[in-house]
All heavy atoms as atom14 arrays in JSON, in Angstrom:
{
  "sequence": "LRELGYVYGIIGNAGPIEFYQKTVGAIVIPDSDPGI",
  "atom14_mask": [
    [1, 1, 1, 1, 1, 1, 1, 1, 0, 0, 0, 0, 0, 0],
    [1, 1, 1, 1, 1, 1, 1, 1, 1, 1, 1, 0, 0, 0],
    [1, 1, 1, 1, 1, 1, 1, 1, 1, 0, 0, 0, 0, 0],
    [1, 1, 1, 1, 1, 1, 1, 1, 0, 0, 0, 0, 0, 0],
    [1, 1, 1, 1, 0, 0, 0, 0, 0, 0, 0, 0, 0, 0],
    [1, 1, 1, 1, 1, 1, 1, 1, 1, 1, 1, 1, 0, 0],
    [1, 1, 1, 1, 1, 1, 1, 0, 0, 0, 0, 0, 0, 0],
    [1, 1, 1, 1, 1, 1, 1, 1, 1, 1, 1, 1, 0, 0],
    [1, 1, 1, 1, 0, 0, 0, 0, 0, 0, 0, 0, 0, 0],
    [1, 1, 1, 1, 1, 1, 1, 1, 0, 0, 0, 0, 0, 0],
    [1, 1, 1, 1, 1, 1, 1, 1, 0, 0, 0, 0, 0, 0],
    [1, 1, 1, 1, 0, 0, 0, 0, 0, 0, 0, 0, 0, 0],
    [1, 1, 1, 1, 1, 1, 1, 1, 0, 0, 0, 0, 0, 0],
    [1, 1, 1, 1, 1, 0, 0, 0, 0, 0, 0, 0, 0, 0],
    [1, 1, 1, 1, 0, 0, 0, 0, 0, 0, 0, 0, 0, 0],
    [1, 1, 1, 1, 1, 1, 1, 0, 0, 0, 0, 0, 0, 0],
    [1, 1, 1, 1, 1, 1, 1, 1, 0, 0, 0, 0, 0, 0],
    [1, 1, 1, 1, 1, 1, 1, 1, 1, 0, 0, 0, 0, 0],
    [1, 1, 1, 1, 1, 1, 1, 1, 1, 1, 1, 0, 0, 0],
    [1, 1, 1, 1, 1, 1, 1, 1, 1, 1, 1, 1, 0, 0],
    [1, 1, 1, 1, 1, 1, 1, 1, 1, 0, 0, 0, 0, 0],
    [1, 1, 1, 1, 1, 1, 1, 1, 1, 0, 0, 0, 0, 0],
    [1, 1, 1, 1, 1, 1, 1, 0, 0, 0, 0, 0, 0, 0],
    [1, 1, 1, 1, 1, 1, 1, 0, 0, 0, 0, 0, 0, 0],
    [1, 1, 1, 1, 0, 0, 0, 0, 0, 0, 0, 0, 0, 0],
    [1, 1, 1, 1, 1, 0, 0, 0, 0, 0, 0, 0, 0, 0],
    [1, 1, 1, 1, 1, 1, 1, 1, 0, 0, 0, 0, 0, 0],
    [1, 1, 1, 1, 1, 1, 1, 0, 0, 0, 0, 0, 0, 0],
    [1, 1, 1, 1, 1, 1, 1, 1, 0, 0, 0, 0, 0, 0],
    [1, 1, 1, 1, 1, 1, 1, 0, 0, 0, 0, 0, 0, 0],
    [1, 1, 1, 1, 1, 1, 1, 1, 0, 0, 0, 0, 0, 0],
    [1, 1, 1, 1, 1, 1, 0, 0, 0, 0, 0, 0, 0, 0],
    [1, 1, 1, 1, 1, 1, 1, 1, 0, 0, 0, 0, 0, 0],
    [1, 1, 1, 1, 1, 1, 1, 0, 0, 0, 0, 0, 0, 0],
    [1, 1, 1, 1, 0, 0, 0, 0, 0, 0, 0, 0, 0, 0],
    [1, 1, 1, 1, 1, 1, 1, 1, 0, 0, 0, 0, 0, 0]
  ],
  "atom14_positions": [
    [[7.14, -0.72, -13.44], [7.67, -0.69, -12.07], [7.77, -2.09, -11.5], [8.76, -2.44, -10.85], [6.8, 0.2, -11.18], [6.97, 1.7, -11.31], [5.92, 2.44, -10.47], [8.37, 2.14, -10.9], [0.0, 0.0, 0.0], [0.0, 0.0, 0.0], [0.0, 0.0, 0.0], [0.0, 0.0, 0.0], [0.0, 0.0, 0.0], [0.0, 0.0, 0.0]],
    [[6.72, -2.89, -11.73], [6.74, -4.26, -11.21], [7.87, -5.06, -11.85], [8.54, -5.85, -11.18], [5.38, -4.93, -11.45], [5.3, -6.3, -10.77], [3.92, -6.85, -10.73], [3.53, -7.32, -12.06], [2.32, -7.76, -12.36], [1.36, -7.77, -11.44], [2.04, -8.17, -13.57], [0.0, 0.0, 0.0], [0.0, 0.0, 0.0], [0.0, 0.0, 0.0]],
    [[8.11, -4.86, -13.14], [9.21, -5.56, -13.82], [10.57, -5.18, -13.24], [11.51, -5.97, -13.32], [9.18, -5.25, -15.32], [8.02, -5.91, -16.03], [7.8, -5.38, -17.44], [8.62, -4.57, -17.92], [6.79, -5.77, -18.05], [0.0, 0.0, 0.0], [0.0, 0.0, 0.0], [0.0, 0.0, 0.0], [0.0, 0.0, 0.0], [0.0, 0.0, 0.0]],
    [[10.66, -3.99, -12.65], [11.91, -3.57, -12.0], [12.09, -4.22, -10.63], [13.12, -4.06, -9.99], [11.95, -2.05, -11.86], [12.14, -1.27, -13.15], [12.02, 0.23, -12.88], [13.48, -1.59, -13.79], [0.0, 0.0, 0.0], [0.0, 0.0, 0.0], [0.0, 0.0, 0.0], [0.0, 0.0, 0.0], [0.0, 0.0, 0.0], [0.0, 0.0, 0.0]],
    [[11.05, -4.93, -10.17], [11.15, -5.64, -8.9], [10.41, -4.99, -7.74], [10.44, -5.5, -6.63], [0.0, 0.0, 0.0], [0.0, 0.0, 0.0], [0.0, 0.0, 0.0], [0.0, 0.0, 0.0], [0.0, 0.0, 0.0], [0.0, 0.0, 0.0], [0.0, 0.0, 0.0], [0.0, 0.0, 0.0], [0.0, 0.0, 0.0], [0.0, 0.0, 0.0]],
    [[9.72, -3.89, -7.99], [8.97, -3.24, -6.92], [7.68, -3.99, -6.63], [7.05, -4.55, -7.54], [8.61, -1.79, -7.3], [9.81, -0.89, -7.42], [10.25, -0.45, -8.67], [10.51, -0.48, -6.29], [11.34, 0.38, -8.79], [11.62, 0.35, -6.41], [12.02, 0.78, -7.66], [13.11, 1.59, -7.77], [0.0, 0.0, 0.0], [0.0, 0.0, 0.0]],
    [[7.3, -3.99, -5.37], [6.04, -4.58, -4.94], [4.98, -3.49, -4.81], [3.8, -3.74, -5.03], [6.22, -5.32, -3.59], [4.91, -5.85, -3.07], [7.24, -6.45, -3.76], [0.0, 0.0, 0.0], [0.0, 0.0, 0.0], [0.0, 0.0, 0.0], [0.0, 0.0, 0.0], [0.0, 0.0, 0.0], [0.0, 0.0, 0.0], [0.0, 0.0, 0.0]],
    [[5.4, -2.29, -4.48], [4.5, -1.14, -4.35], [5.03, 0.0, -5.2], [6.23, 0.19, -5.33], [4.4, -0.68, -2.9], [3.82, -1.73, -2.0], [4.63, -2.54, -1.22], [2.44, -1.93, -1.95], [4.1, -3.52, -0.42], [1.91, -2.92, -1.15], [2.73, -3.71, -0.39], [2.2, -4.69, 0.4], [0.0, 0.0, 0.0], [0.0, 0.0, 0.0]],
    [[4.1, 0.77, -5.76], [4.45, 1.97, -6.5], [3.8, 3.16, -5.83], [2.79, 3.03, -5.13], [0.0, 0.0, 0.0], [0.0, 0.0, 0.0], [0.0, 0.0, 0.0], [0.0, 0.0, 0.0], [0.0, 0.0, 0.0], [0.0, 0.0, 0.0], [0.0, 0.0, 0.0], [0.0, 0.0, 0.0], [0.0, 0.0, 0.0], [0.0, 0.0, 0.0]],
    [[4.38, 4.33, -6.06], [3.85, 5.56, -5.48], [3.42, 6.48, -6.62], [4.14, 6.67, -7.59], [4.92, 6.27, -4.62], [5.34, 5.36, -3.46], [4.41, 7.62, -4.11], [6.57, 5.81, -2.73], [0.0, 0.0, 0.0], [0.0, 0.0, 0.0], [0.0, 0.0, 0.0], [0.0, 0.0, 0.0], [0.0, 0.0, 0.0], [0.0, 0.0, 0.0]],
    [[2.22, 7.02, -6.48], [1.74, 8.03, -7.41], [1.87, 9.35, -6.67], [1.13, 9.61, -5.72], [0.28, 7.77, -7.84], [0.18, 6.39, -8.49], [-0.2, 8.88, -8.77], [-1.24, 5.93, -8.77], [0.0, 0.0, 0.0], [0.0, 0.0, 0.0], [0.0, 0.0, 0.0], [0.0, 0.0, 0.0], [0.0, 0.0, 0.0], [0.0, 0.0, 0.0]],
    [[2.86, 10.14, -7.04], [3.17, 11.37, -6.32], [2.22, 12.5, -6.67], [1.89, 12.71, -7.84], [0.0, 0.0, 0.0], [0.0, 0.0, 0.0], [0.0, 0.0, 0.0], [0.0, 0.0, 0.0], [0.0, 0.0, 0.0], [0.0, 0.0, 0.0], [0.0, 0.0, 0.0], [0.0, 0.0, 0.0], [0.0, 0.0, 0.0], [0.0, 0.0, 0.0]],
    [[1.78, 13.21, -5.65], [0.97, 14.42, -5.84], [-0.2, 14.13, -6.78], [-0.43, 14.85, -7.75], [1.85, 15.54, -6.39], [1.3, 16.91, -6.12], [0.6, 17.14, -5.13], [1.62, 17.85, -6.98], [0.0, 0.0, 0.0], [0.0, 0.0, 0.0], [0.0, 0.0, 0.0], [0.0, 0.0, 0.0], [0.0, 0.0, 0.0], [0.0, 0.0, 0.0]],
    [[-0.91, 13.05, -6.5], [-1.95, 12.54, -7.39], [-3.09, 13.52, -7.59], [-3.65, 14.04, -6.63], [-2.49, 11.22, -6.85], [0.0, 0.0, 0.0], [0.0, 0.0, 0.0], [0.0, 0.0, 0.0], [0.0, 0.0, 0.0], [0.0, 0.0, 0.0], [0.0, 0.0, 0.0], [0.0, 0.0, 0.0], [0.0, 0.0, 0.0], [0.0, 0.0, 0.0]],
    [[-3.41, 13.77, -8.85], [-4.51, 14.67, -9.19], [-5.86, 13.99, -9.04], [-6.52, 14.14, -8.02], [0.0, 0.0, 0.0], [0.0, 0.0, 0.0], [0.0, 0.0, 0.0], [0.0, 0.0, 0.0], [0.0, 0.0, 0.0], [0.0, 0.0, 0.0], [0.0, 0.0, 0.0], [0.0, 0.0, 0.0], [0.0, 0.0, 0.0], [0.0, 0.0, 0.0]],
    [[-6.26, 13.19, -10.02], [-7.58, 12.57, -9.94], [-7.56, 11.33, -9.04], [-7.5, 10.2, -9.52], [-7.88, 12.21, -11.4], [-6.53, 11.98, -12.0], [-5.6, 12.93, -11.28], [0.0, 0.0, 0.0], [0.0, 0.0, 0.0], [0.0, 0.0, 0.0], [0.0, 0.0, 0.0], [0.0, 0.0, 0.0], [0.0, 0.0, 0.0], [0.0, 0.0, 0.0]],
    [[-7.6, 11.54, -7.74], [-7.47, 10.45, -6.77], [-8.47, 9.33, -7.04], [-8.13, 8.15, -7.01], [-7.6, 10.98, -5.33], [-6.42, 11.89, -5.01], [-7.7, 9.84, -4.32], [-6.54, 12.64, -3.7], [0.0, 0.0, 0.0], [0.0, 0.0, 0.0], [0.0, 0.0, 0.0], [0.0, 0.0, 0.0], [0.0, 0.0, 0.0], [0.0, 0.0, 0.0]],
    [[-9.72, 9.69, -7.32], [-10.76, 8.68, -7.54], [-10.43, 7.79, -8.74], [-10.69, 6.6, -8.73], [-12.12, 9.34, -7.75], [-12.63, 10.11, -6.54], [-11.98, 11.5, -6.39], [-11.45, 12.05, -7.39], [-12.0, 12.03, -5.27], [0.0, 0.0, 0.0], [0.0, 0.0, 0.0], [0.0, 0.0, 0.0], [0.0, 0.0, 0.0], [0.0, 0.0, 0.0]],
    [[-9.85, 8.38, -9.78], [-9.45, 7.6, -10.96], [-8.44, 6.52, -10.56], [-8.58, 5.35, -10.94], [-8.85, 8.52, -12.03], [-8.12, 7.79, -13.12], [-8.81, 7.12, -14.12], [-6.73, 7.78, -13.17], [-8.14, 6.44, -15.14], [-6.05, 7.11, -14.18], [-6.77, 6.44, -15.15], [0.0, 0.0, 0.0], [0.0, 0.0, 0.0], [0.0, 0.0, 0.0]],
    [[-7.43, 6.89, -9.78], [-6.41, 5.94, -9.38], [-6.97, 4.9, -8.41], [-6.58, 3.72, -8.47], [-5.21, 6.67, -8.75], [-4.46, 7.52, -9.74], [-4.38, 8.9, -9.58], [-3.83, 6.97, -10.84], [-3.69, 9.69, -10.49], [-3.14, 7.74, -11.76], [-3.07, 9.11, -11.57], [-2.39, 9.88, -12.48], [0.0, 0.0, 0.0], [0.0, 0.0, 0.0]],
    [[-7.86, 5.31, -7.53], [-8.48, 4.35, -6.61], [-9.28, 3.31, -7.37], [-9.17, 2.11, -7.12], [-9.37, 5.08, -5.6], [-8.58, 5.88, -4.59], [-9.46, 6.77, -3.71], [-10.47, 7.29, -4.14], [-9.03, 6.95, -2.47], [0.0, 0.0, 0.0], [0.0, 0.0, 0.0], [0.0, 0.0, 0.0], [0.0, 0.0, 0.0], [0.0, 0.0, 0.0]],
    [[-10.08, 3.76, -8.32], [-10.94, 2.87, -9.1], [-10.13, 2.0, -10.05], [-10.38, 0.81, -10.19], [-11.95, 3.71, -9.9], [-12.85, 2.91, -10.79], [-13.77, 3.82, -11.59], [-14.48, 3.05, -12.68], [-15.11, 3.91, -13.66], [0.0, 0.0, 0.0], [0.0, 0.0, 0.0], [0.0, 0.0, 0.0], [0.0, 0.0, 0.0], [0.0, 0.0, 0.0]],
    [[-9.14, 2.58, -10.7], [-8.4, 1.88, -11.76], [-7.4, 0.87, -11.23], [-7.29, -0.23, -11.76], [-7.7, 2.89, -12.67], [-8.66, 3.84, -13.14], [-7.05, 2.22, -13.87], [0.0, 0.0, 0.0], [0.0, 0.0, 0.0], [0.0, 0.0, 0.0], [0.0, 0.0, 0.0], [0.0, 0.0, 0.0], [0.0, 0.0, 0.0], [0.0, 0.0, 0.0]],
    [[-6.65, 1.23, -10.18], [-5.59, 0.34, -9.69], [-5.63, 0.11, -8.18], [-4.68, -0.42, -7.61], [-4.19, 0.84, -10.11], [-4.02, 0.76, -11.62], [-3.92, 2.25, -9.62], [0.0, 0.0, 0.0], [0.0, 0.0, 0.0], [0.0, 0.0, 0.0], [0.0, 0.0, 0.0], [0.0, 0.0, 0.0], [0.0, 0.0, 0.0], [0.0, 0.0, 0.0]],
    [[-6.73, 0.49, -7.53], [-6.86, 0.25, -6.09], [-5.9, 1.06, -5.24], [-5.53, 0.64, -4.14], [0.0, 0.0, 0.0], [0.0, 0.0, 0.0], [0.0, 0.0, 0.0], [0.0, 0.0, 0.0], [0.0, 0.0, 0.0], [0.0, 0.0, 0.0], [0.0, 0.0, 0.0], [0.0, 0.0, 0.0], [0.0, 0.0, 0.0], [0.0, 0.0, 0.0]],
    [[-5.51, 2.22, -5.72], [-4.57, 3.07, -4.97], [-5.19, 3.54, -3.67], [-6.41, 3.73, -3.58], [-4.17, 4.28, -5.82], [0.0, 0.0, 0.0], [0.0, 0.0, 0.0], [0.0, 0.0, 0.0], [0.0, 0.0, 0.0], [0.0, 0.0, 0.0], [0.0, 0.0, 0.0], [0.0, 0.0, 0.0], [0.0, 0.0, 0.0], [0.0, 0.0, 0.0]],
    [[-4.34, 3.71, -2.67], [-4.79, 4.25, -1.38], [-3.96, 5.49, -1.03], [-2.79, 5.58, -1.4], [-4.71, 3.2, -0.24], [-3.27, 2.69, -0.07], [-5.66, 2.05, -0.49], [-3.06, 1.84, 1.16], [0.0, 0.0, 0.0], [0.0, 0.0, 0.0], [0.0, 0.0, 0.0], [0.0, 0.0, 0.0], [0.0, 0.0, 0.0], [0.0, 0.0, 0.0]],
    [[-4.59, 6.41, -0.34], [-3.91, 7.65, 0.06], [-2.89, 7.33, 1.15], [-3.18, 6.62, 2.11], [-4.94, 8.69, 0.56], [-4.24, 9.92, 1.13], [-5.9, 9.08, -0.56], [0.0, 0.0, 0.0], [0.0, 0.0, 0.0], [0.0, 0.0, 0.0], [0.0, 0.0, 0.0], [0.0, 0.0, 0.0], [0.0, 0.0, 0.0], [0.0, 0.0, 0.0]],
    [[-1.7, 7.87, 1.0], [-0.66, 7.75, 2.02], [-0.88, 8.89, 3.01], [-0.82, 10.07, 2.62], [0.75, 7.82, 1.41], [0.96, 6.69, 0.4], [1.82, 7.78, 2.5], [2.26, 6.78, -0.39], [0.0, 0.0, 0.0], [0.0, 0.0, 0.0], [0.0, 0.0, 0.0], [0.0, 0.0, 0.0], [0.0, 0.0, 0.0], [0.0, 0.0, 0.0]],
    [[-1.16, 8.57, 4.28], [-1.4, 9.63, 5.26], [-0.23, 10.6, 5.37], [0.93, 10.21, 5.24], [-1.59, 8.87, 6.58], [-1.95, 7.47, 6.17], [-1.25, 7.24, 4.86], [0.0, 0.0, 0.0], [0.0, 0.0, 0.0], [0.0, 0.0, 0.0], [0.0, 0.0, 0.0], [0.0, 0.0, 0.0], [0.0, 0.0, 0.0], [0.0, 0.0, 0.0]],
    [[-0.55, 11.87, 5.6], [0.44, 12.93, 5.8], [1.44, 13.05, 4.65], [2.6, 13.39, 4.85], [1.2, 12.72, 7.12], [0.27, 12.72, 8.32], [-0.67, 13.53, 8.34], [0.48, 11.89, 9.22], [0.0, 0.0, 0.0], [0.0, 0.0, 0.0], [0.0, 0.0, 0.0], [0.0, 0.0, 0.0], [0.0, 0.0, 0.0], [0.0, 0.0, 0.0]],
    [[1.0, 12.78, 3.43], [1.91, 12.83, 2.28], [1.78, 14.11, 1.46], [2.46, 14.26, 0.45], [1.67, 11.62, 1.37], [0.36, 11.63, 0.85], [0.0, 0.0, 0.0], [0.0, 0.0, 0.0], [0.0, 0.0, 0.0], [0.0, 0.0, 0.0], [0.0, 0.0, 0.0], [0.0, 0.0, 0.0], [0.0, 0.0, 0.0], [0.0, 0.0, 0.0]],
    [[0.94, 15.01, 1.87], [0.74, 16.26, 1.12], [1.53, 17.37, 1.78], [1.37, 17.6, 2.97], [-0.75, 16.6, 1.1], [-1.08, 17.78, 0.21], [-0.19, 18.21, -0.54], [-2.22, 18.27, 0.28], [0.0, 0.0, 0.0], [0.0, 0.0, 0.0], [0.0, 0.0, 0.0], [0.0, 0.0, 0.0], [0.0, 0.0, 0.0], [0.0, 0.0, 0.0]],
    [[2.47, 18.02, 1.12], [2.79, 18.03, -0.3], [3.9, 17.07, -0.7], [4.35, 17.11, -1.85], [3.23, 19.46, -0.52], [3.9, 19.85, 0.73], [3.13, 19.12, 1.82], [0.0, 0.0, 0.0], [0.0, 0.0, 0.0], [0.0, 0.0, 0.0], [0.0, 0.0, 0.0], [0.0, 0.0, 0.0], [0.0, 0.0, 0.0], [0.0, 0.0, 0.0]],
    [[4.36, 16.23, 0.18], [5.36, 15.23, -0.2], [6.65, 15.84, -0.71], [7.12, 16.85, -0.19], [0.0, 0.0, 0.0], [0.0, 0.0, 0.0], [0.0, 0.0, 0.0], [0.0, 0.0, 0.0], [0.0, 0.0, 0.0], [0.0, 0.0, 0.0], [0.0, 0.0, 0.0], [0.0, 0.0, 0.0], [0.0, 0.0, 0.0], [0.0, 0.0, 0.0]],
    [[7.18, 15.25, -1.79], [8.46, 15.72, -2.31], [8.34, 17.05, -3.03], [9.34, 17.66, -3.38], [9.11, 14.7, -3.25], [8.26, 14.48, -4.49], [9.39, 13.4, -2.53], [9.01, 13.84, -5.62], [0.0, 0.0, 0.0], [0.0, 0.0, 0.0], [0.0, 0.0, 0.0], [0.0, 0.0, 0.0], [0.0, 0.0, 0.0], [0.0, 0.0, 0.0]]
  ]
}
């Protein structure tokens, strides 16, 4: 994603939230459930 020029990426409908927070510093987007 970064190679495509994005500065931010979105993990949609994230399952193991803690995994993503710990691994890549992901943060929850408020009011994003259920999103797309």
